[in-house]
Protein backbone atom coordinates (compact mmCIF):
# COMPACT_ATOMS: atom_id res chain seq x y z
CA MET A 1 6.72 28.02 -90.60
CA SER A 2 7.03 29.13 -86.99
CA GLY A 3 10.19 28.66 -84.98
CA ILE A 4 10.74 25.42 -83.12
CA ALA A 5 11.48 25.72 -79.41
CA LEU A 6 14.40 23.37 -78.86
CA ALA A 7 14.96 21.40 -75.68
CA THR A 8 18.73 21.28 -75.93
CA PRO A 9 21.51 23.78 -75.28
CA TYR A 10 23.91 25.15 -77.85
CA LEU A 11 26.77 22.81 -78.73
CA ASP A 12 28.88 25.63 -80.16
CA THR A 13 29.80 28.36 -77.72
CA ASP A 14 30.99 30.99 -80.19
CA ALA A 15 30.98 31.79 -83.89
CA ASP A 16 34.76 31.27 -84.05
CA GLN A 17 34.24 27.56 -83.39
CA LEU A 18 32.20 27.02 -86.57
CA SER A 19 33.93 25.31 -89.46
CA PHE A 20 32.88 24.55 -93.03
CA ALA A 21 32.83 21.18 -94.75
CA LEU A 22 31.46 19.70 -97.95
CA GLY A 23 30.56 16.02 -98.13
CA HIS A 24 30.44 15.53 -94.35
CA PRO A 25 28.14 12.68 -93.27
CA PRO A 26 24.87 13.51 -91.54
CA CYS A 27 25.30 14.74 -87.97
CA PRO A 28 22.69 14.08 -85.29
CA ALA A 29 19.97 16.65 -85.98
CA LEU A 30 17.68 18.48 -83.58
CA ALA A 31 15.19 19.11 -86.40
CA VAL A 32 14.99 18.17 -90.08
CA ARG A 33 12.84 19.54 -92.88
CA ASP A 34 12.60 17.68 -96.20
CA LEU A 35 11.53 19.83 -99.14
CA THR A 36 11.32 19.76 -102.90
CA VAL A 37 12.41 23.10 -104.33
CA GLY A 38 12.33 23.58 -108.10
CA GLY A 39 12.12 19.82 -108.53
CA LEU A 40 15.25 19.20 -106.42
CA ASP A 41 15.13 17.36 -103.10
CA VAL A 42 16.57 19.51 -100.30
CA GLN A 43 17.02 18.62 -96.66
CA LEU A 44 17.50 21.35 -94.06
CA ARG A 45 19.11 20.00 -90.88
CA LEU A 46 19.32 21.99 -87.66
CA LEU A 47 22.18 20.99 -85.38
CA GLY A 48 23.26 22.45 -82.03
CA ALA A 49 23.74 26.08 -83.18
CA SER A 50 24.84 24.72 -86.54
CA HIS A 51 23.38 23.44 -89.78
CA GLN A 52 23.61 21.00 -92.64
CA VAL A 53 21.94 21.42 -96.02
CA PHE A 54 21.75 18.50 -98.43
CA ALA A 55 20.74 19.58 -101.94
CA GLY A 56 21.33 17.45 -105.02
CA PRO A 57 24.99 16.35 -104.94
CA VAL A 58 25.95 18.81 -102.18
CA ARG A 59 26.24 18.14 -98.46
CA GLU A 60 27.11 21.44 -96.76
CA THR A 61 27.97 21.51 -93.07
CA VAL A 62 28.62 24.58 -90.94
CA ALA A 63 29.26 23.30 -87.42
CA CYS A 64 31.75 22.74 -84.66
CA LEU A 65 33.34 19.59 -86.09
CA PRO A 66 35.72 17.40 -84.06
CA GLY A 67 39.23 17.54 -85.45
CA VAL A 68 38.47 20.49 -87.76
CA GLU A 69 39.84 23.91 -86.89
CA GLY A 70 37.21 26.60 -86.43
CA GLY A 71 36.82 29.54 -88.75
CA LEU A 72 34.62 29.92 -91.81
CA PRO A 73 35.88 30.90 -95.23
CA GLU A 74 34.55 34.17 -96.60
CA ALA A 75 33.96 32.32 -99.87
CA ALA A 76 34.24 28.82 -101.32
CA GLU A 77 33.51 27.33 -104.74
CA HIS A 78 33.17 23.74 -105.89
CA GLU A 79 31.95 21.79 -108.91
CA ALA A 80 29.96 18.59 -108.39
CA ASP A 81 28.03 16.39 -110.81
CA GLY A 82 27.17 19.18 -113.26
CA TRP A 83 26.53 21.81 -110.57
CA ASN A 84 28.46 24.93 -109.59
CA TYR A 85 28.47 25.57 -105.85
CA ARG A 86 29.26 28.97 -104.29
CA PHE A 87 29.33 29.61 -100.55
CA GLY A 88 29.84 32.84 -98.65
CA ALA A 89 29.94 33.64 -94.93
CA ARG A 90 30.20 36.76 -92.85
CA VAL A 91 30.40 37.34 -89.13
CA LEU A 92 28.67 40.38 -87.67
CA ARG A 93 29.46 41.60 -84.16
CA LEU A 94 26.72 44.02 -83.18
CA PRO A 95 26.20 46.49 -80.35
CA GLU A 96 23.71 45.38 -77.74
CA SER A 97 21.28 48.06 -78.95
CA GLU A 98 21.09 46.45 -82.43
CA PHE A 99 21.43 42.74 -81.74
CA GLY A 100 17.88 42.03 -80.52
CA ALA A 101 16.24 43.84 -83.42
CA ARG A 102 18.41 42.00 -85.94
CA VAL A 103 17.55 38.61 -84.39
CA ALA A 104 13.84 39.50 -84.42
CA GLU A 105 14.18 40.35 -88.12
CA ILE A 106 15.85 36.99 -88.83
CA ARG A 107 13.18 35.08 -86.90
CA GLY A 108 10.40 36.97 -88.70
CA ARG A 109 11.96 36.32 -92.09
CA ALA A 110 12.36 32.60 -91.42
CA GLU A 111 8.92 32.21 -89.84
CA ALA A 112 7.25 33.88 -92.85
CA HIS A 113 9.24 31.89 -95.45
CA PRO A 114 7.51 28.84 -97.00
CA HIS A 115 10.75 26.81 -97.15
CA ALA A 116 12.45 27.41 -93.81
CA LEU A 117 13.58 25.80 -90.60
CA CYS A 118 14.11 27.93 -87.50
CA GLY A 119 15.15 26.72 -84.06
CA ILE A 120 15.13 28.76 -80.85
CA PHE A 121 17.44 27.50 -78.13
CA PRO A 122 16.46 27.56 -74.45
CA GLY A 123 17.62 30.39 -72.24
CA SER A 124 17.20 33.21 -74.75
CA PRO A 125 14.76 34.01 -77.56
CA GLU A 126 17.81 35.51 -79.29
CA ALA A 127 19.66 32.15 -79.49
CA VAL A 128 18.53 31.11 -82.97
CA THR A 129 19.59 29.07 -85.95
CA ALA A 130 17.50 29.71 -89.07
CA LEU A 131 17.66 28.36 -92.63
CA THR A 132 15.70 29.32 -95.75
CA VAL A 133 15.87 27.89 -99.28
CA GLU A 134 14.31 28.92 -102.58
CA TRP A 135 14.77 28.29 -106.28
CA ARG A 136 16.43 31.09 -108.24
CA GLY A 137 17.06 30.74 -111.97
CA THR A 138 18.79 27.40 -112.47
CA GLY A 139 19.20 26.21 -108.91
CA PRO A 140 18.52 26.56 -105.22
CA THR A 141 19.81 29.35 -103.02
CA TRP A 142 19.88 29.02 -99.27
CA ARG A 143 20.66 31.38 -96.45
CA THR A 144 21.42 30.59 -92.85
CA TRP A 145 21.83 32.59 -89.66
CA HIS A 146 23.42 31.50 -86.40
CA THR A 147 23.01 33.93 -83.52
CA TYR A 148 25.13 34.10 -80.38
CA PRO A 149 23.54 36.36 -77.72
CA GLN A 150 26.46 35.98 -75.30
CA SER A 151 28.78 37.78 -77.77
CA ARG A 152 26.08 39.58 -79.83
CA THR A 153 27.41 37.85 -82.92
CA ILE A 154 25.53 36.71 -86.01
CA VAL A 155 27.00 34.35 -88.58
CA ALA A 156 25.21 34.67 -91.91
CA THR A 157 25.83 32.33 -94.83
CA HIS A 158 24.61 32.42 -98.42
CA THR A 159 24.91 29.49 -100.81
CA ARG A 160 24.08 29.25 -104.49
CA LEU A 161 23.88 25.96 -106.43
CA GLU A 162 23.52 26.30 -110.21
CA VAL A 163 23.35 23.82 -113.06
CA ARG A 164 26.48 24.19 -115.23
């Protein structure tokens, strides 16, 4: 799937403003992709420099949420309706010489992936939010990337949902 050129600016101005929530209601989405992965319905939702993934009993949100302090956990675990949920996030601050190549790699990976959603924000081809999902073993695994060209920062998340 090729990247979607978005006609809206970033809503989040920096990676430090992102927060993590489970069970958050749907936010207004810039793009949505409904998929069935391994027999499970999954919805990838692209927000303004943020994302939501709805998979089985899980509603994961990584976004700038009103009333929620920014900052992502390095790891989070949860049990829901017979599923084990594991989330991880890391923030990479890269030198200018590496940032563009890393964003191009992320875009290429998402655009070549059969179960992906990738949005490119106006003003810079390096302002990207990308999501991929696939079935691994007993559940879906999804990865996301949020890129911030103004600070040369990339937020990468990895989530694993497994049947208990």
